C-alpha atoms as a PDB file:
ATOM      1  CA  MET A   1     -53.073  20.801   4.372  1.00  0.00           C
ATOM      2  CA  VAL A   2     -50.819  22.837   6.666  1.00  0.00           C
ATOM      3  CA  LEU A   3     -50.802  19.979   9.165  1.00  0.00           C
ATOM      4  CA  VAL A   4     -49.615  17.585   6.480  1.00  0.00           C
ATOM      5  CA  MET A   5     -46.844  20.000   5.465  1.00  0.00           C
ATOM      6  CA  VAL A   6     -45.754  20.344   9.096  1.00  0.00           C
ATOM      7  CA  MET A   7     -45.671  16.542   9.505  1.00  0.00           C
ATOM      8  CA  ILE A   8     -43.663  16.210   6.286  1.00  0.00           C
ATOM      9  CA  ALA A   9     -41.279  18.949   7.435  1.00  0.00           C
ATOM     10  CA  LYS A  10     -40.758  17.168  10.767  1.00  0.00           C
ATOM     11  CA  GLN A  11     -40.082  13.868   8.984  1.00  0.00           C
ATOM     12  CA  VAL A  12     -37.646  15.561   6.604  1.00  0.00           C
ATOM     13  CA  SER A  13     -36.005  17.264   9.564  1.00  0.00           C
ATOM     14  CA  ARG A  14     -35.606  13.904  11.329  1.00  0.00           C
ATOM     15  CA  GLU A  15     -34.152  12.371   8.180  1.00  0.00           C
ATOM     16  CA  ILE A  16     -31.697  15.249   7.789  1.00  0.00           C
ATOM     17  CA  LEU A  17     -30.623  14.918  11.429  1.00  0.00           C
ATOM     18  CA  LYS A  18     -30.240  11.179  10.938  1.00  0.00           C
ATOM     19  CA  MET A  19     -28.117  11.732   7.803  1.00  0.00           C
ATOM     20  CA  ASN A  20     -26.002  14.344   9.597  1.00  0.00           C
ATOM     21  CA  LYS A  21     -25.453  11.928  12.466  1.00  0.00           C
ATOM     22  CA  GLN A  22     -24.417   9.183  10.037  1.00  0.00           C
ATOM     23  CA  LEU A  23     -22.096  11.594   8.260  1.00  0.00           C
ATOM     24  CA  THR A  24     -20.572  12.638  11.572  1.00  0.00           C
ATOM     25  CA  GLN A  25     -20.108   8.975  12.510  1.00  0.00           C
ATOM     26  CA  LYS A  26     -18.417   8.316   9.149  1.00  0.00           C
ATOM     27  CA  GLN A  27     -16.146  11.310   9.632  1.00  0.00           C
ATOM     28  CA  ASN A  28     -15.328  10.185  13.168  1.00  0.00           C
ATOM     29  CA  LEU A  29     -14.638   6.685  11.915  1.00  0.00           C
ATOM     30  CA  ARG A  30     -12.395   8.066   9.181  1.00  0.00           C
ATOM     31  CA  GLU A  31     -10.514  10.175  11.740  1.00  0.00           C
ATOM     32  CA  ASN A  32     -10.167   7.193  14.069  1.00  0.00           C
ATOM     33  CA  VAL A  33      -8.816   5.036  11.252  1.00  0.00           C
ATOM     34  CA  LYS A  34      -6.287   7.727  10.323  1.00  0.00           C
ATOM     35  CA  GLU A  35      -5.211   8.045  13.942  1.00  0.00           C
ATOM     36  CA  LEU A  36      -4.912   4.274  14.289  1.00  0.00           C
ATOM     37  CA  PHE A  37      -2.882   4.059  11.094  1.00  0.00           C
ATOM     38  CA  ASN A  38      -0.513   6.785  12.273  1.00  0.00           C
ATOM     39  CA  THR A  39      -0.149   5.119  15.661  1.00  0.00           C
ATOM     40  CA  LEU A  40       0.610   1.761  14.055  1.00  0.00           C
ATOM     41  CA  LYS A  41       3.075   3.390  11.703  1.00  0.00           C
ATOM     42  CA  GLU A  42       4.848   5.019  14.626  1.00  0.00           C
ATOM     43  CA  GLN A  43       4.822   1.809  16.636  1.00  0.00           C
ATOM     44  CA  ASN A  44       6.086  -0.134  13.650  1.00  0.00           C
ATOM     45  CA  GLY A  45       8.874   2.406  13.259  1.00  0.00           C
ATOM     46  CA  LEU A  46       9.853   1.985  16.887  1.00  0.00           C
ATOM     47  CA  ALA A  47       9.646  -1.785  16.631  1.00  0.00           C
ATOM     48  CA  TRP A  48      11.744  -1.722  13.464  1.00  0.00           C
ATOM     49  CA  LYS A  49      14.380   0.433  15.134  1.00  0.00           C
ATOM     50  CA  GLU A  50      14.458  -1.934  18.097  1.00  0.00           C
ATOM     51  CA  ILE A  51      14.841  -4.958  15.813  1.00  0.00           C
ATOM     52  CA  VAL A  52      17.720  -3.289  13.967  1.00  0.00           C
ATOM     53  CA  ARG A  53      19.362  -2.245  17.250  1.00  0.00           C
ATOM     54  CA  ASN A  54      19.075  -5.771  18.672  1.00  0.00           C
ATOM     55  CA  TYR A  55      20.464  -7.255  15.456  1.00  0.00           C
ATOM     56  CA  LYS A  56      23.439  -4.893  15.508  1.00  0.00           C
ATOM     57  CA  GLN A  57      24.083  -5.690  19.174  1.00  0.00           C
ATOM     58  CA  GLN A  58      23.995  -9.407  18.419  1.00  0.00           C
ATOM     59  CA  GLN A  59      26.418  -8.946  15.510  1.00  0.00           C
ATOM     60  CA  GLU A  60      28.742  -6.952  17.759  1.00  0.00           C
ATOM     61  CA  ARG A  61      28.623  -9.665  20.437  1.00  0.00           C
ATOM     62  CA  GLU A  62      29.454 -12.316  17.840  1.00  0.00           C
ATOM     63  CA  LYS A  63      32.384 -10.208  16.606  1.00  0.00           C
ATOM     64  CA  ASN A  64      33.649  -9.859  20.170  1.00  0.00           C
ATOM     65  CA  VAL A  65      33.386 -13.618  20.749  1.00  0.00           C
ATOM     66  CA  ASN A  66      35.281 -14.265  17.505  1.00  0.00           C
ATOM     67  CA  ARG A  67      37.968 -11.737  18.502  1.00  0.00           C
ATOM     68  CA  GLN A  68      38.337 -13.328  21.927  1.00  0.00           C
ATOM     69  CA  THR A  69      38.595 -16.791  20.378  1.00  0.00           C
ATOM     70  CA  HIS A  70      41.113 -15.514  17.848  1.00  0.00           C
ATOM     71  CA  ASN A  71      43.139 -13.810  20.592  1.00  0.00           C
ATOM     72  CA  LYS A  72      43.108 -16.984  22.702  1.00  0.00           C
ATOM     73  CA  ASP A  73      44.318 -19.015  19.729  1.00  0.00           C
ATOM     74  CA  ASN A  74      47.123 -16.534  19.125  1.00  0.00           C
ATOM     75  CA  TRP A  75      48.034 -16.560  22.819  1.00  0.00           C
ATOM     76  CA  ILE A  76      48.193 -20.331  22.821  1.00  0.00           C
ATOM     77  CA  LYS A  77      50.413 -20.303  19.709  1.00  0.00           C
ATOM     78  CA  ILE A  78      52.733 -17.705  21.252  1.00  0.00           C
ATOM     79  CA  ARG A  79      53.083 -19.646  24.517  1.00  0.00           C
ATOM     80  CA  SER A  80      53.749 -22.964  22.740  1.00  0.00           C
END
């Protein structure tokens, strides 16, 4: 009878260790997902800032081209 109880206790112990390991893996997975999400959020923020910066630079370049064209037109009119 004692031998059976010891065998059952060992099996229960193995099952508990197995469940703890699975729980730890779930917690690690959850932590990894959180870390990945935060990393992506940060990267997305940087990418978004870069997109906005590039857009503003392009708009500024277009303004400068329009100013130069406008100034050339005025210069031509003045010289004529």
